[in-house]
Amino acid sequence: MGELTKYVALGRRKESTARVRMEAGSGQIVINGRPFEKYFLRETDRIIVLQPLALTESTGKFNIAANLAGGGLTGQAGALRLGISRALLIADENFKEIFRKNGYLTRDPRMKERKKYGQKGARKRFQWTKR
């Protein structure tokens, strides 16, 4: 590992931002002052967040404290996954190739498409009437 004891990283997805602070510990995860299981109620979101830890076999080695803001829960889960991946990369450079291969270091560029004028939404049009 390194001489540093605290690893700080930032993750983003859609409108969500995750500020992650990671340090050596028992594997406790706290999000916005709440336990991880109480914050992410959906199992899929929990799995997404824990993917980088499971891949590097460091599930019980780090305590993680994260501040999440903006967007919805799924976007926040994606942002947190990127933040945790970046923090683990700071902790150990050897994870870079594994994370790259699985796409955990790539920021998801997909954003909400803007609404167009003369239309109901981004793609949906108003109903056309012949007469």
Foldseek 3Di string as FASTA:
>chain_A
DDPDFWFWFWFFAAFKIKTKIKGFAQQWEAEPNHGPCVLDVDPVLVCLLCVVCVQVVCRGTMYMYMYMDDDDSNRSSLRNLLGVNVRVCVVPVVCVVVCVVVVSPDHPPDYDAAADPQAPGRPHHDDDDPD
